C-alpha atoms as a PDB file:
ATOM      1  CA  MET A   1     -12.251   3.015  45.191  1.00  0.00           C
ATOM      2  CA  LYS A   2     -10.706   6.435  44.481  1.00  0.00           C
ATOM      3  CA  ALA A   3      -7.324   4.773  43.919  1.00  0.00           C
ATOM      4  CA  LEU A   4      -8.904   2.393  41.406  1.00  0.00           C
ATOM      5  CA  ILE A   5     -10.547   5.275  39.542  1.00  0.00           C
ATOM      6  CA  ARG A   6      -7.239   7.167  39.415  1.00  0.00           C
ATOM      7  CA  PHE A   7      -5.466   4.060  38.111  1.00  0.00           C
ATOM      8  CA  LEU A   8      -8.072   3.477  35.413  1.00  0.00           C
ATOM      9  CA  SER A   9      -7.984   7.145  34.405  1.00  0.00           C
ATOM     10  CA  LEU A  10      -4.195   7.039  34.129  1.00  0.00           C
ATOM     11  CA  PHE A  11      -4.364   3.803  32.106  1.00  0.00           C
ATOM     12  CA  VAL A  12      -6.886   5.285  29.671  1.00  0.00           C
ATOM     13  CA  LEU A  13      -4.776   8.444  29.301  1.00  0.00           C
ATOM     14  CA  VAL A  14      -1.561   6.532  28.620  1.00  0.00           C
ATOM     15  CA  PHE A  15      -3.271   4.100  26.237  1.00  0.00           C
ATOM     16  CA  PHE A  16      -5.030   6.853  24.320  1.00  0.00           C
ATOM     17  CA  SER A  17      -1.839   8.896  24.078  1.00  0.00           C
ATOM     18  CA  SER A  18       0.071   5.936  22.653  1.00  0.00           C
ATOM     19  CA  GLN A  19      -2.618   5.429  20.028  1.00  0.00           C
ATOM     20  CA  VAL A  20      -2.653   9.009  18.760  1.00  0.00           C
ATOM     21  CA  SER A  21       1.040   9.790  19.055  1.00  0.00           C
ATOM     22  CA  ALA A  22       1.992   8.193  15.742  1.00  0.00           C
ATOM     23  CA  SER A  23       1.972  10.721  12.909  1.00  0.00           C
ATOM     24  CA  GLN A  24      -1.070  10.823  10.653  1.00  0.00           C
ATOM     25  CA  TRP A  25       0.106  11.357   7.079  1.00  0.00           C
ATOM     26  CA  ARG A  26      -1.959  12.578   4.127  1.00  0.00           C
ATOM     27  CA  ILE A  27      -0.895  11.129   0.780  1.00  0.00           C
ATOM     28  CA  ASP A  28       0.068  13.734  -1.804  1.00  0.00           C
ATOM     29  CA  ALA A  29      -1.683  12.054  -4.734  1.00  0.00           C
ATOM     30  CA  ASP A  30      -0.018  14.336  -7.290  1.00  0.00           C
ATOM     31  CA  HIS A  31       3.402  13.022  -6.270  1.00  0.00           C
ATOM     32  CA  SER A  32       2.607   9.396  -5.492  1.00  0.00           C
ATOM     33  CA  GLU A  33       2.315   6.384  -7.772  1.00  0.00           C
ATOM     34  CA  ILE A  34       1.457   2.688  -7.763  1.00  0.00           C
ATOM     35  CA  ARG A  35       3.372   1.154 -10.658  1.00  0.00           C
ATOM     36  CA  PHE A  36       3.706  -2.424 -11.834  1.00  0.00           C
ATOM     37  CA  GLU A  37       5.708  -4.471 -14.312  1.00  0.00           C
ATOM     38  CA  ILE A  38       5.160  -7.970 -15.686  1.00  0.00           C
ATOM     39  CA  LYS A  39       6.879 -10.150 -18.258  1.00  0.00           C
ATOM     40  CA  HIS A  40       5.300 -10.312 -21.708  1.00  0.00           C
ATOM     41  CA  ILE A  41       6.853 -13.040 -23.896  1.00  0.00           C
ATOM     42  CA  LEU A  42      10.508 -11.882 -23.845  1.00  0.00           C
ATOM     43  CA  THR A  43      10.325  -8.343 -22.471  1.00  0.00           C
ATOM     44  CA  THR A  44       8.170  -6.516 -19.926  1.00  0.00           C
ATOM     45  CA  VAL A  45       5.043  -4.388 -19.882  1.00  0.00           C
ATOM     46  CA  SER A  46       4.562  -1.684 -17.282  1.00  0.00           C
ATOM     47  CA  GLY A  47       1.612   0.298 -16.046  1.00  0.00           C
ATOM     48  CA  GLN A  48       0.050   1.925 -13.037  1.00  0.00           C
ATOM     49  CA  PHE A  49      -3.153   2.326 -11.073  1.00  0.00           C
ATOM     50  CA  ILE A  50      -4.213   5.965 -11.124  1.00  0.00           C
ATOM     51  CA  ASP A  51      -7.035   5.971  -8.556  1.00  0.00           C
ATOM     52  CA  PHE A  52      -6.107   4.956  -5.021  1.00  0.00           C
ATOM     53  CA  LYS A  53      -6.374   6.186  -1.465  1.00  0.00           C
ATOM     54  CA  GLY A  54      -4.530   5.340   1.704  1.00  0.00           C
ATOM     55  CA  ASP A  55      -4.551   5.813   5.440  1.00  0.00           C
ATOM     56  CA  ILE A  56      -1.001   6.157   6.803  1.00  0.00           C
ATOM     57  CA  VAL A  57      -0.236   6.454  10.496  1.00  0.00           C
ATOM     58  CA  PHE A  58       3.487   6.129  11.091  1.00  0.00           C
ATOM     59  CA  ASP A  59       6.024   7.231  13.685  1.00  0.00           C
ATOM     60  CA  PRO A  60       9.354   5.353  13.931  1.00  0.00           C
ATOM     61  CA  ASP A  61       9.158   5.690  17.725  1.00  0.00           C
ATOM     62  CA  LYS A  62       5.574   4.384  17.965  1.00  0.00           C
ATOM     63  CA  LEU A  63       5.398   1.464  15.551  1.00  0.00           C
ATOM     64  CA  ASP A  64       2.667  -0.336  17.501  1.00  0.00           C
ATOM     65  CA  ALA A  65       0.309   2.575  16.836  1.00  0.00           C
ATOM     66  CA  GLY A  66       1.032   2.685  13.112  1.00  0.00           C
ATOM     67  CA  LYS A  67      -0.975   1.429  10.165  1.00  0.00           C
ATOM     68  CA  PHE A  68      -0.932   1.379   6.380  1.00  0.00           C
ATOM     69  CA  ASP A  69      -4.322   0.765   4.764  1.00  0.00           C
ATOM     70  CA  PHE A  70      -4.819   1.175   1.017  1.00  0.00           C
ATOM     71  CA  THR A  71      -7.674   0.850  -1.474  1.00  0.00           C
ATOM     72  CA  VAL A  72      -7.020   0.758  -5.227  1.00  0.00           C
ATOM     73  CA  LYS A  73      -9.683   1.151  -7.926  1.00  0.00           C
ATOM     74  CA  VAL A  74      -9.093  -1.614 -10.469  1.00  0.00           C
ATOM     75  CA  ASP A  75     -10.761   0.334 -13.301  1.00  0.00           C
ATOM     76  CA  SER A  76      -7.984   2.909 -13.060  1.00  0.00           C
ATOM     77  CA  VAL A  77      -5.390   0.534 -14.523  1.00  0.00           C
ATOM     78  CA  ASN A  78      -3.363   2.277 -17.227  1.00  0.00           C
ATOM     79  CA  THR A  79      -0.729   0.656 -19.451  1.00  0.00           C
ATOM     80  CA  ASN A  80      -1.025   3.320 -22.187  1.00  0.00           C
ATOM     81  CA  ASN A  81      -2.916   0.851 -24.358  1.00  0.00           C
ATOM     82  CA  GLY A  82      -6.713   1.023 -24.226  1.00  0.00           C
ATOM     83  CA  LYS A  83      -7.306  -2.442 -25.668  1.00  0.00           C
ATOM     84  CA  ARG A  84      -4.905  -4.046 -23.184  1.00  0.00           C
ATOM     85  CA  ASP A  85      -6.377  -2.068 -20.271  1.00  0.00           C
ATOM     86  CA  ASN A  86      -9.888  -3.268 -21.129  1.00  0.00           C
ATOM     87  CA  HIS A  87      -8.586  -6.840 -21.317  1.00  0.00           C
ATOM     88  CA  LEU A  88      -7.067  -6.459 -17.843  1.00  0.00           C
ATOM     89  CA  ARG A  89     -10.452  -5.249 -16.533  1.00  0.00           C
ATOM     90  CA  SER A  90     -12.244  -8.239 -18.077  1.00  0.00           C
ATOM     91  CA  LYS A  91     -13.059 -11.672 -16.623  1.00  0.00           C
ATOM     92  CA  ASP A  92      -9.756 -12.939 -18.015  1.00  0.00           C
ATOM     93  CA  PHE A  93      -7.876 -10.984 -15.338  1.00  0.00           C
ATOM     94  CA  PHE A  94      -9.244  -8.571 -12.694  1.00  0.00           C
ATOM     95  CA  TYR A  95     -12.996  -8.806 -13.521  1.00  0.00           C
ATOM     96  CA  SER A  96     -13.428  -5.246 -12.301  1.00  0.00           C
ATOM     97  CA  ASP A  97     -17.218  -5.227 -12.769  1.00  0.00           C
ATOM     98  CA  LYS A  98     -17.505  -7.785  -9.964  1.00  0.00           C
ATOM     99  CA  PHE A  99     -14.350  -6.914  -7.998  1.00  0.00           C
ATOM    100  CA  PRO A 100     -13.881  -3.135  -8.352  1.00  0.00           C
ATOM    101  CA  GLU A 101     -11.277  -2.696  -5.600  1.00  0.00           C
ATOM    102  CA  MET A 102      -8.040  -4.162  -4.308  1.00  0.00           C
ATOM    103  CA  LYS A 103      -7.241  -3.647  -0.634  1.00  0.00           C
ATOM    104  CA  PHE A 104      -4.293  -3.887   1.740  1.00  0.00           C
ATOM    105  CA  LYS A 105      -4.670  -3.654   5.515  1.00  0.00           C
ATOM    106  CA  SER A 106      -1.586  -3.748   7.728  1.00  0.00           C
ATOM    107  CA  SER A 107      -1.315  -5.752  10.938  1.00  0.00           C
ATOM    108  CA  LYS A 108       2.271  -5.186  12.115  1.00  0.00           C
ATOM    109  CA  ILE A 109       5.175  -2.818  11.513  1.00  0.00           C
ATOM    110  CA  SER A 110       8.727  -3.572  12.633  1.00  0.00           C
ATOM    111  CA  HIS A 111      12.089  -1.874  12.212  1.00  0.00           C
ATOM    112  CA  LEU A 112      14.792  -3.634  10.194  1.00  0.00           C
ATOM    113  CA  LYS A 113      17.812  -1.340   9.882  1.00  0.00           C
ATOM    114  CA  GLY A 114      18.397   2.331   9.218  1.00  0.00           C
ATOM    115  CA  ASN A 115      15.409   3.677   7.309  1.00  0.00           C
ATOM    116  CA  ARG A 116      14.109   0.217   6.353  1.00  0.00           C
ATOM    117  CA  TYR A 117      10.998  -1.302   7.912  1.00  0.00           C
ATOM    118  CA  ALA A 118       8.949  -4.480   7.532  1.00  0.00           C
ATOM    119  CA  LEU A 119       5.213  -4.423   7.055  1.00  0.00           C
ATOM    120  CA  GLU A 120       2.846  -7.355   7.554  1.00  0.00           C
ATOM    121  CA  GLY A 121      -0.748  -7.288   6.426  1.00  0.00           C
ATOM    122  CA  MET A 122      -3.553  -8.794   4.396  1.00  0.00           C
ATOM    123  CA  MET A 123      -3.832  -8.245   0.651  1.00  0.00           C
ATOM    124  CA  THR A 124      -7.231  -8.687  -0.992  1.00  0.00           C
ATOM    125  CA  ILE A 125      -7.517  -9.011  -4.773  1.00  0.00           C
ATOM    126  CA  LYS A 126     -10.788 -10.255  -6.254  1.00  0.00           C
ATOM    127  CA  ASP A 127     -12.209 -12.716  -3.666  1.00  0.00           C
ATOM    128  CA  VAL A 128      -8.811 -13.836  -2.349  1.00  0.00           C
ATOM    129  CA  THR A 129      -7.207 -12.484   0.831  1.00  0.00           C
ATOM    130  CA  LYS A 130      -3.662 -13.527   1.742  1.00  0.00           C
ATOM    131  CA  LYS A 131      -1.033 -12.483   4.249  1.00  0.00           C
ATOM    132  CA  ILE A 132       1.848 -10.586   2.679  1.00  0.00           C
ATOM    133  CA  ASN A 133       5.164  -9.230   3.956  1.00  0.00           C
ATOM    134  CA  ILE A 134       6.561  -6.019   2.506  1.00  0.00           C
ATOM    135  CA  GLU A 135       9.769  -4.106   3.166  1.00  0.00           C
ATOM    136  CA  PHE A 136       9.695  -0.341   2.767  1.00  0.00           C
ATOM    137  CA  GLN A 137      11.905   2.699   3.143  1.00  0.00           C
ATOM    138  CA  PHE A 138      10.893   5.723   5.176  1.00  0.00           C
ATOM    139  CA  PHE A 139      12.413   9.072   4.263  1.00  0.00           C
ATOM    140  CA  GLN A 140      12.573  11.388   7.257  1.00  0.00           C
ATOM    141  CA  PRO A 141      10.218  14.389   7.359  1.00  0.00           C
ATOM    142  CA  GLN A 142      11.445  17.791   6.309  1.00  0.00           C
ATOM    143  CA  PRO A 143       9.728  21.163   5.944  1.00  0.00           C
ATOM    144  CA  HIS A 144       7.733  21.367   2.734  1.00  0.00           C
ATOM    145  CA  PRO A 145       9.469  23.818   0.346  1.00  0.00           C
ATOM    146  CA  PHE A 146       6.143  25.484  -0.579  1.00  0.00           C
ATOM    147  CA  ASP A 147       4.339  25.300   2.779  1.00  0.00           C
ATOM    148  CA  LYS A 148       6.431  25.799   5.892  1.00  0.00           C
ATOM    149  CA  LYS A 149       3.487  24.812   8.115  1.00  0.00           C
ATOM    150  CA  LYS A 150       3.724  21.234   6.840  1.00  0.00           C
ATOM    151  CA  ASN A 151       6.291  18.473   6.822  1.00  0.00           C
ATOM    152  CA  VAL A 152       6.753  16.194   3.829  1.00  0.00           C
ATOM    153  CA  SER A 153       8.027  12.646   4.035  1.00  0.00           C
ATOM    154  CA  GLY A 154       8.449   9.720   1.680  1.00  0.00           C
ATOM    155  CA  PHE A 155       7.622   6.027   1.588  1.00  0.00           C
ATOM    156  CA  GLN A 156       8.904   3.611  -1.044  1.00  0.00           C
ATOM    157  CA  THR A 157       8.615  -0.131  -1.556  1.00  0.00           C
ATOM    158  CA  THR A 158       8.986  -2.795  -4.227  1.00  0.00           C
ATOM    159  CA  PHE A 159       7.509  -6.278  -3.871  1.00  0.00           C
ATOM    160  CA  ILE A 160       6.254  -9.232  -5.903  1.00  0.00           C
ATOM    161  CA  ILE A 161       2.659 -10.460  -6.217  1.00  0.00           C
ATOM    162  CA  PRO A 162       2.103 -13.883  -7.842  1.00  0.00           C
ATOM    163  CA  ARG A 163      -1.043 -12.960  -9.769  1.00  0.00           C
ATOM    164  CA  LEU A 164      -2.390 -16.498 -10.105  1.00  0.00           C
ATOM    165  CA  ASP A 165      -2.451 -16.811  -6.293  1.00  0.00           C
ATOM    166  CA  TYR A 166      -5.161 -14.131  -6.434  1.00  0.00           C
ATOM    167  CA  LYS A 167      -7.022 -15.581  -9.460  1.00  0.00           C
ATOM    168  CA  VAL A 168      -5.853 -12.755 -11.717  1.00  0.00           C
ATOM    169  CA  GLY A 169      -5.972 -15.027 -14.749  1.00  0.00           C
ATOM    170  CA  ASN A 170      -6.453 -18.784 -14.987  1.00  0.00           C
ATOM    171  CA  GLY A 171      -2.962 -19.713 -16.139  1.00  0.00           C
ATOM    172  CA  LYS A 172      -3.783 -19.969 -19.839  1.00  0.00           C
ATOM    173  CA  PHE A 173      -1.578 -17.061 -20.901  1.00  0.00           C
ATOM    174  CA  LEU A 174       1.210 -18.229 -18.590  1.00  0.00           C
ATOM    175  CA  LYS A 175       1.236 -21.678 -20.232  1.00  0.00           C
ATOM    176  CA  MET A 176       1.323 -20.032 -23.653  1.00  0.00           C
ATOM    177  CA  GLY A 177       4.409 -18.052 -22.597  1.00  0.00           C
ATOM    178  CA  VAL A 178       2.647 -14.749 -23.142  1.00  0.00           C
ATOM    179  CA  VAL A 179       2.123 -13.266 -19.665  1.00  0.00           C
ATOM    180  CA  GLY A 180       4.247 -14.018 -16.590  1.00  0.00           C
ATOM    181  CA  ASN A 181       2.983 -14.856 -13.125  1.00  0.00           C
ATOM    182  CA  ASP A 182       5.088 -12.547 -10.951  1.00  0.00           C
ATOM    183  CA  VAL A 183       4.004  -8.917 -10.932  1.00  0.00           C
ATOM    184  CA  GLU A 184       6.587  -6.476  -9.601  1.00  0.00           C
ATOM    185  CA  VAL A 185       4.806  -3.669  -7.764  1.00  0.00           C
ATOM    186  CA  GLU A 186       6.439  -0.380  -6.813  1.00  0.00           C
ATOM    187  CA  LEU A 187       4.881   2.239  -4.567  1.00  0.00           C
ATOM    188  CA  THR A 188       6.442   5.666  -4.247  1.00  0.00           C
ATOM    189  CA  MET A 189       4.570   8.088  -2.039  1.00  0.00           C
ATOM    190  CA  GLU A 190       5.054  11.557  -0.726  1.00  0.00           C
ATOM    191  CA  ALA A 191       2.977  12.287   2.351  1.00  0.00           C
ATOM    192  CA  LEU A 192       2.203  15.459   4.293  1.00  0.00           C
ATOM    193  CA  THR A 193       1.516  16.255   7.922  1.00  0.00           C
ATOM    194  CA  ALA A 194       1.108  19.419   9.921  1.00  0.00           C
ATOM    195  CA  LYS A 195       4.099  20.460  12.005  1.00  0.00           C
END
């Protein structure tokens, strides 16, 4: 019985240690952005979502313990055009009154090559949730220039979201040749952790 208790105690200790060993990063919101770009007739329109939060747990040596979970406030969309932003918030596109948030929740992280990693997870926009695969770059931690007690690191990714797959629009503007379907999304994030 004592041997069993020792085994279980050791198992719990090892399991718990593996779960907490991945670095917990705090997003530096002042130096992080979620930008997007989409075709409009012949050129492109760009914008960003200002209000977002994320939970990042990442250690290249402990990928199984890592996670990337994000929540974005749809009302914070900003294309530097108030009329267009209100149209994006309307029923024609995001319908932010009914669906105020977009969410991403990771399920798996794997290493590709060098500082490149693959991220699998579920993306929820409006009432649609779909599996998505994202590649990202991880920039190794270094001492923060203004706070030597902290390390700063970077995460960057670019990926495509077919907006109609998530009911962001009904296809009318796509058929008219006004607004494209593929939205290019770019995330650039600086993140901090204690040394």
